[in-house]
N, C-alpha and C. Protein backbone atom coordinates (compact mmCIF):
# COMPACT_ATOMS: atom_id res chain seq x y z
N MET A 1 -9.46 7.77 -23.54
CA MET A 1 -8.33 6.60 -23.76
C MET A 1 -9.09 6.23 -21.71
N THR A 2 -8.81 5.03 -21.98
CA THR A 2 -9.16 5.14 -20.76
C THR A 2 -8.35 4.18 -20.40
N PHE A 3 -7.29 4.31 -18.63
CA PHE A 3 -6.19 3.35 -17.57
C PHE A 3 -7.22 2.46 -16.81
N TRP A 4 -7.95 2.61 -16.65
CA TRP A 4 -8.37 1.53 -15.60
C TRP A 4 -9.32 1.10 -15.97
N ASN A 5 -9.12 -0.53 -16.88
CA ASN A 5 -10.66 -1.02 -16.88
C ASN A 5 -10.86 -1.79 -16.48
N ARG A 6 -10.81 -1.96 -14.82
CA ARG A 6 -11.27 -2.36 -13.96
C ARG A 6 -12.80 -1.98 -13.31
N LYS A 7 -13.35 -3.27 -12.56
CA LYS A 7 -13.82 -2.43 -11.31
C LYS A 7 -13.40 -1.58 -10.40
N ILE A 8 -14.16 -0.46 -9.76
CA ILE A 8 -13.20 1.05 -9.94
C ILE A 8 -13.89 0.62 -7.63
N ARG A 9 -12.44 0.42 -7.53
CA ARG A 9 -13.19 0.17 -5.88
C ARG A 9 -12.23 1.47 -5.27
N ARG A 10 -13.00 2.14 -4.09
CA ARG A 10 -12.90 2.81 -3.58
C ARG A 10 -12.36 2.49 -2.20
N ASN A 11 -11.36 3.46 -1.28
CA ASN A 11 -11.09 2.95 0.49
C ASN A 11 -12.32 3.86 1.44
N ASP A 12 -11.96 3.42 2.43
CA ASP A 12 -12.87 4.62 3.01
C ASP A 12 -13.03 5.57 3.23
N SER A 13 -11.83 6.90 2.50
CA SER A 13 -12.23 7.90 2.54
C SER A 13 -11.96 7.60 1.37
N GLY A 14 -12.58 7.47 0.19
CA GLY A 14 -13.12 7.42 -0.97
C GLY A 14 -12.48 8.07 -2.30
N PHE A 15 -11.10 7.56 -1.53
CA PHE A 15 -10.10 7.70 -3.07
C PHE A 15 -10.07 6.42 -3.79
N ILE A 16 -10.30 6.49 -5.35
CA ILE A 16 -10.03 5.53 -6.31
C ILE A 16 -8.48 4.72 -5.71
N GLN A 17 -8.89 2.63 -5.66
CA GLN A 17 -8.11 2.34 -5.07
C GLN A 17 -7.11 1.67 -6.48
N ILE A 18 -5.77 2.31 -6.82
CA ILE A 18 -5.16 1.60 -8.44
C ILE A 18 -3.86 0.66 -7.46
N PRO A 19 -3.49 -0.08 -8.26
CA PRO A 19 -2.66 -0.32 -7.88
C PRO A 19 -1.83 0.13 -8.08
N VAL A 20 0.20 0.38 -6.87
CA VAL A 20 0.71 1.76 -7.18
C VAL A 20 2.41 0.36 -7.77
N LYS A 21 2.92 1.17 -8.18
CA LYS A 21 4.38 0.40 -8.89
C LYS A 21 4.78 1.25 -8.89
N ARG A 22 6.18 0.69 -8.88
CA ARG A 22 7.32 2.04 -8.22
C ARG A 22 7.65 2.46 -10.00
N LEU A 23 7.77 3.55 -10.21
CA LEU A 23 7.15 4.23 -11.75
C LEU A 23 8.58 4.93 -11.79
N ILE A 24 8.98 5.84 -10.94
CA ILE A 24 9.91 6.98 -11.29
C ILE A 24 10.89 6.67 -9.78
N GLU A 25 11.66 7.36 -9.14
CA GLU A 25 12.70 6.93 -8.68
C GLU A 25 12.81 8.55 -8.43
N TRP A 26 12.31 8.81 -6.88
CA TRP A 26 12.40 10.57 -6.96
C TRP A 26 13.80 11.37 -6.00
N ASN A 27 14.56 11.31 -6.67
CA ASN A 27 15.42 12.17 -5.08
C ASN A 27 15.94 13.47 -5.06
N GLU A 28 15.29 14.11 -5.30
CA GLU A 28 15.37 15.60 -5.24
C GLU A 28 14.89 15.81 -3.80
N PRO A 29 16.27 16.98 -2.77
CA PRO A 29 16.28 16.87 -1.59
C PRO A 29 14.85 17.42 -0.53
N ASN A 30 13.86 17.45 -1.37
CA ASN A 30 12.89 18.33 -0.44
C ASN A 30 11.96 17.22 -0.25
N GLY A 31 11.28 16.67 -1.14
CA GLY A 31 10.66 15.47 -1.21
C GLY A 31 9.93 14.46 -1.67
N ASP A 32 8.96 13.87 -1.45
CA ASP A 32 8.31 14.04 -2.70
C ASP A 32 6.40 13.81 -2.83
N GLY A 33 6.47 14.50 -1.59
CA GLY A 33 4.79 15.02 -1.64
C GLY A 33 4.41 16.43 -2.96
N CYS A 34 3.35 16.00 -2.95
CA CYS A 34 2.85 16.82 -3.77
C CYS A 34 1.62 16.58 -3.25
N MET A 35 0.06 18.42 -3.62
CA MET A 35 -0.74 18.50 -3.53
C MET A 35 -1.23 17.45 -4.85
N VAL A 36 -2.76 17.37 -3.94
CA VAL A 36 -3.33 16.60 -5.56
C VAL A 36 -5.01 16.75 -5.28
N SER A 37 -5.50 17.21 -6.26
CA SER A 37 -7.41 17.75 -6.42
C SER A 37 -7.62 15.90 -6.38
N ASP A 38 -8.76 16.09 -5.09
CA ASP A 38 -9.37 15.02 -5.70
C ASP A 38 -10.22 13.81 -6.86
N ARG A 39 -10.11 15.36 -7.64
CA ARG A 39 -10.89 15.30 -9.23
C ARG A 39 -10.60 14.30 -9.81
N ILE A 40 -8.96 13.58 -8.69
CA ILE A 40 -7.66 12.86 -9.68
C ILE A 40 -8.16 12.04 -9.09
N THR A 41 -7.81 12.09 -7.63
CA THR A 41 -8.02 11.13 -7.13
C THR A 41 -9.23 10.34 -6.53
N LYS A 42 -10.30 11.45 -6.15
CA LYS A 42 -11.55 10.49 -6.37
C LYS A 42 -13.26 10.23 -7.18
N ASP A 43 -13.17 11.47 -8.52
CA ASP A 43 -13.67 10.97 -9.23
C ASP A 43 -13.06 10.58 -10.69
N GLY A 44 -11.51 10.70 -10.91
CA GLY A 44 -11.60 8.98 -12.03
C GLY A 44 -10.37 10.27 -12.73
N PHE A 45 -10.28 12.24 -12.80
CA PHE A 45 -10.40 12.58 -13.74
C PHE A 45 -8.54 12.67 -14.31
N ALA A 46 -8.06 13.00 -15.25
CA ALA A 46 -7.01 12.58 -15.58
C ALA A 46 -6.28 14.24 -15.43
N VAL A 47 -4.94 14.38 -14.89
CA VAL A 47 -4.02 15.48 -14.56
C VAL A 47 -4.71 16.59 -15.73
N GLY A 48 -5.17 17.64 -16.19
CA GLY A 48 -5.07 18.12 -16.72
C GLY A 48 -4.35 19.48 -16.96
N TYR A 49 -4.00 19.84 -15.28
CA TYR A 49 -3.21 21.49 -15.44
C TYR A 49 -2.69 21.02 -13.98
N MET A 50 -0.79 21.35 -14.31
CA MET A 50 -0.20 21.08 -13.32
C MET A 50 0.83 22.64 -13.37
N TYR A 51 1.72 22.34 -12.14
CA TYR A 51 2.14 23.58 -11.97
C TYR A 51 3.26 22.93 -10.73
N ARG A 52 4.01 23.29 -10.72
CA ARG A 52 5.25 23.78 -9.56
C ARG A 52 5.46 24.48 -9.39
N GLU A 53 5.58 24.95 -7.99
CA GLU A 53 6.26 26.24 -6.84
C GLU A 53 7.42 25.64 -6.60
N GLU A 54 7.98 26.33 -5.55
CA GLU A 54 9.19 26.42 -4.72
C GLU A 54 8.17 25.55 -3.32
N PRO A 55 8.78 24.81 -3.06
CA PRO A 55 8.81 23.32 -2.06
C PRO A 55 8.50 23.86 -0.93
N SER A 56 7.61 23.57 -0.77
CA SER A 56 7.38 24.46 0.76
C SER A 56 8.95 24.01 1.42
N ASP A 57 9.79 24.03 3.45
CA ASP A 57 10.64 23.90 3.77
C ASP A 57 10.30 23.74 4.94
N GLY A 58 10.65 21.92 5.77
CA GLY A 58 10.08 21.54 6.67
C GLY A 58 8.98 20.57 6.32
N PHE A 59 8.68 20.14 5.24
CA PHE A 59 7.31 19.17 4.34
C PHE A 59 8.45 18.57 3.63
N PRO A 60 8.78 17.44 3.00
CA PRO A 60 8.00 16.21 2.01
C PRO A 60 7.57 16.49 0.96
N ASP A 61 8.05 18.33 0.15
CA ASP A 61 7.10 18.16 -0.18
C ASP A 61 8.40 18.91 -1.78
N SER A 62 7.37 18.47 -3.11
CA SER A 62 7.93 18.62 -4.43
C SER A 62 8.14 19.58 -4.73
N GLY A 63 6.62 20.31 -4.10
CA GLY A 63 6.84 21.74 -5.20
C GLY A 63 5.06 21.37 -6.33
N TRP A 64 5.25 20.12 -6.68
CA TRP A 64 3.93 19.74 -7.49
C TRP A 64 2.49 20.06 -7.27
N ARG A 65 1.60 20.92 -8.22
CA ARG A 65 0.16 20.55 -7.37
C ARG A 65 -0.17 20.51 -8.48
N PHE A 66 -1.13 18.92 -8.57
CA PHE A 66 -1.69 18.26 -9.62
C PHE A 66 -3.44 18.24 -9.69
N PHE A 67 -4.16 19.35 -10.76
CA PHE A 67 -5.66 19.36 -10.71
C PHE A 67 -5.98 19.13 -12.68
N ALA A 68 -7.49 18.33 -12.29
CA ALA A 68 -8.07 17.89 -13.35
C ALA A 68 -8.24 19.23 -14.04
N GLY A 69 -7.93 20.36 -13.83
CA GLY A 69 -8.67 21.42 -14.59
C GLY A 69 -9.61 22.54 -14.42
N ASP A 70 -10.44 21.62 -13.61
CA ASP A 70 -11.99 22.32 -13.77
C ASP A 70 -12.27 22.91 -12.80
N GLU A 71 -11.49 22.47 -11.94
CA GLU A 71 -12.08 23.26 -10.41
C GLU A 71 -11.73 24.75 -10.62
N ASP A 72 -12.78 24.98 -9.35
CA ASP A 72 -13.20 26.74 -9.64
C ASP A 72 -12.29 26.86 -8.44
N ASP A 73 -11.89 28.13 -8.07
CA ASP A 73 -11.78 28.96 -6.54
C ASP A 73 -12.06 28.57 -5.55
N GLU A 74 -13.79 28.10 -6.01
CA GLU A 74 -13.53 27.46 -4.10
C GLU A 74 -13.76 26.22 -4.46
N TYR A 75 -13.77 25.41 -4.94
CA TYR A 75 -13.66 23.96 -5.01
C TYR A 75 -11.88 23.99 -4.53
N VAL A 76 -10.90 24.79 -5.09
CA VAL A 76 -9.58 24.25 -4.90
C VAL A 76 -9.16 25.18 -3.02
N ASN A 77 -10.58 26.60 -3.55
CA ASN A 77 -9.96 26.71 -1.46
C ASN A 77 -10.34 26.35 -0.57
N ASN A 78 -10.93 25.37 -0.67
CA ASN A 78 -11.11 24.12 0.54
C ASN A 78 -10.69 23.08 0.86
N PRO A 79 -9.72 22.95 1.76
CA PRO A 79 -8.47 22.15 2.19
C PRO A 79 -9.28 20.81 2.03
N GLU A 80 -10.34 20.71 1.77
CA GLU A 80 -11.14 19.56 2.04
C GLU A 80 -11.09 18.28 0.45
N ASN A 81 -10.67 19.32 -0.18
CA ASN A 81 -10.30 19.18 -1.91
C ASN A 81 -9.49 18.96 -2.04
N THR A 82 -8.33 18.85 -1.06
CA THR A 82 -7.33 17.96 -2.12
C THR A 82 -6.23 17.70 -0.87
N HIS A 83 -5.69 16.43 -1.62
CA HIS A 83 -3.97 15.77 -0.50
C HIS A 83 -2.95 15.71 -1.04
N ILE A 84 -2.42 15.17 -0.05
CA ILE A 84 -1.35 15.41 -0.39
C ILE A 84 -0.84 13.78 -0.73
N PHE A 85 -0.02 14.12 -1.21
CA PHE A 85 -0.06 12.11 -2.05
C PHE A 85 1.78 12.01 -2.14
N LYS A 86 2.58 10.71 -2.00
CA LYS A 86 4.11 11.25 -3.25
C LYS A 86 3.45 11.05 -4.29
N ILE A 87 4.38 11.55 -5.46
CA ILE A 87 4.71 12.02 -6.69
C ILE A 87 4.33 10.49 -7.52
N ASN A 88 4.96 9.72 -7.08
CA ASN A 88 4.78 8.19 -7.24
C ASN A 88 3.34 7.25 -8.11
N THR A 89 2.91 8.26 -6.69
CA THR A 89 1.45 7.60 -6.15
C THR A 89 0.89 8.08 -7.53
N VAL A 90 1.12 9.44 -7.88
CA VAL A 90 0.55 10.48 -8.74
C VAL A 90 0.24 9.89 -10.05
N CYS A 91 1.70 9.56 -10.63
CA CYS A 91 2.46 8.69 -11.40
C CYS A 91 1.44 7.90 -12.17
N ASN A 92 1.53 6.47 -11.12
CA ASN A 92 0.20 5.62 -10.85
C ASN A 92 -1.04 6.13 -11.94
N TYR A 93 -1.70 7.21 -10.71
CA TYR A 93 -3.31 7.63 -11.17
C TYR A 93 -2.47 7.54 -12.79
N ASP A 94 -1.93 8.83 -13.46
CA ASP A 94 -2.11 9.29 -14.61
C ASP A 94 -0.43 9.08 -14.96
N PRO A 95 0.38 8.10 -15.68
CA PRO A 95 0.96 8.04 -16.32
C PRO A 95 2.09 9.22 -17.54
N SER A 96 1.00 9.67 -17.77
CA SER A 96 1.30 11.05 -18.42
C SER A 96 1.48 12.19 -18.05
N ILE A 97 2.64 12.54 -16.97
CA ILE A 97 2.72 13.71 -15.87
C ILE A 97 3.92 13.33 -15.83
N MET A 98 4.63 11.93 -16.19
CA MET A 98 6.31 11.67 -15.82
C MET A 98 7.45 12.70 -16.36
N ARG A 99 6.76 12.45 -17.56
CA ARG A 99 7.78 13.17 -18.74
C ARG A 99 7.78 14.70 -17.73
N TYR A 100 7.30 15.44 -17.74
CA TYR A 100 7.26 16.63 -17.47
C TYR A 100 7.93 16.88 -16.01
N LEU A 101 7.51 16.00 -14.84
CA LEU A 101 8.13 16.25 -13.19
C LEU A 101 9.77 16.87 -12.62
N HIS A 102 10.30 17.17 -14.65
CA HIS A 102 11.30 17.76 -13.09
C HIS A 102 12.01 18.76 -13.73
N SER A 103 10.38 19.95 -14.50
CA SER A 103 10.99 20.95 -14.54
C SER A 103 11.04 21.79 -13.42
N GLU A 104 11.13 22.59 -13.47
CA GLU A 104 12.05 23.99 -12.58
C GLU A 104 11.12 24.56 -11.80
N ALA A 105 10.56 24.64 -10.47
CA ALA A 105 9.72 25.56 -10.28
C ALA A 105 9.07 26.51 -10.69
N GLY A 106 8.24 27.08 -10.79
CA GLY A 106 7.69 28.42 -11.90
C GLY A 106 6.86 27.27 -13.02
N SER A 107 7.28 26.44 -13.22
CA SER A 107 6.69 25.35 -14.51
C SER A 107 5.62 25.22 -14.50
N ALA A 108 4.66 25.39 -15.12
CA ALA A 108 3.14 25.25 -14.98
C ALA A 108 2.91 24.76 -16.84
N TYR A 109 1.81 23.78 -17.01
CA TYR A 109 1.70 22.87 -18.12
C TYR A 109 -0.71 22.01 -18.07
N ILE A 110 -0.36 22.39 -19.20
CA ILE A 110 -1.98 22.13 -19.14
C ILE A 110 -1.73 21.39 -19.92
N ARG A 111 -2.82 20.39 -20.59
CA ARG A 111 -2.85 18.84 -20.71
C ARG A 111 -3.11 19.84 -22.38
N VAL A 112 -2.63 19.51 -23.79
CA VAL A 112 -4.20 20.30 -24.83
C VAL A 112 -4.91 18.55 -25.52
N ASP A 113 -3.52 17.34 -25.38
CA ASP A 113 -5.17 16.18 -25.73
C ASP A 113 -4.86 15.20 -24.70
N GLN A 114 -5.62 13.85 -25.78
CA GLN A 114 -5.26 13.28 -24.55
C GLN A 114 -3.57 12.34 -24.13
N ASN A 115 -2.89 13.31 -24.95
CA ASN A 115 -1.26 12.13 -24.25
C ASN A 115 -0.42 13.30 -24.55
N ARG A 116 -0.74 15.05 -24.15
CA ARG A 116 -0.02 15.73 -24.93
C ARG A 116 -0.52 17.54 -24.03
N PHE A 117 0.56 17.80 -23.25
CA PHE A 117 0.39 18.71 -21.78
C PHE A 117 1.60 19.69 -22.79
N GLU A 118 1.59 20.68 -23.04
CA GLU A 118 2.09 22.12 -23.00
C GLU A 118 2.41 22.97 -22.51
N PRO A 119 3.33 23.83 -22.00
CA PRO A 119 3.28 24.90 -21.11
C PRO A 119 2.16 25.73 -21.21
N ASP A 120 1.68 26.61 -20.70
CA ASP A 120 0.37 26.81 -20.16
C ASP A 120 1.06 28.36 -19.74
N ASP A 121 0.40 28.81 -21.38
CA ASP A 121 0.68 30.85 -21.43
C ASP A 121 -0.62 31.60 -21.43
N GLY A 122 -1.53 30.35 -21.31
CA GLY A 122 -2.38 30.94 -20.83
C GLY A 122 -3.42 31.69 -21.92
N SER A 123 -2.73 31.07 -23.93
CA SER A 123 -3.78 30.61 -24.61
C SER A 123 -4.70 30.28 -24.88
N LYS A 124 -4.45 29.14 -24.92
CA LYS A 124 -5.67 27.50 -24.77
C LYS A 124 -6.33 27.10 -23.36
N PRO A 125 -7.42 26.66 -24.01
CA PRO A 125 -8.23 25.76 -23.22
C PRO A 125 -7.31 24.06 -23.02
N ILE A 126 -8.21 24.18 -20.83
CA ILE A 126 -7.45 22.73 -20.79
C ILE A 126 -8.21 21.19 -21.16
N PHE A 127 -8.12 20.35 -22.08
CA PHE A 127 -8.39 19.44 -22.46
C PHE A 127 -8.96 19.33 -20.88
N ILE A 128 -10.05 17.98 -21.03
CA ILE A 128 -10.64 17.74 -19.01
C ILE A 128 -10.71 16.10 -20.13
N MET A 129 -10.49 15.31 -19.25
CA MET A 129 -10.14 14.30 -18.95
C MET A 129 -10.43 13.07 -18.69
N MET A 130 -12.02 12.08 -18.30
CA MET A 130 -11.68 11.37 -17.11
C MET A 130 -10.92 9.65 -17.89
N LEU A 131 -10.34 9.39 -16.92
CA LEU A 131 -9.87 8.35 -16.80
C LEU A 131 -10.31 7.01 -16.70
N LEU A 132 -11.62 6.94 -16.13
CA LEU A 132 -12.11 6.03 -15.45
C LEU A 132 -13.28 4.91 -16.67
């Protein structure tokens, strides 16, 4: 499934430029920031793994962390490979995450096919998918 069927443009930082529409209203008290892997925002992969931790105090942090699902520890531990985005922007990169966003801290999901996530219990592989 390809969500973007037009010529891909990138900004000066290498992020894929997409039109951002208001897809969700986020009114949770700690803010709407989230951490996103460049595999999604620069390489064009769908969200394959997402988890929510307790939001960081003092920051506009929803607690959500989004990854393609094939990043190794070295990639994730390099701060140049993840960036902070608004949750609504990530929904525009991959709208399939929207139904899970109000899950409690401690929730973790993996993509199991093109359209579906399941709670991550470690028993299934992550379905890795390009959106480009």
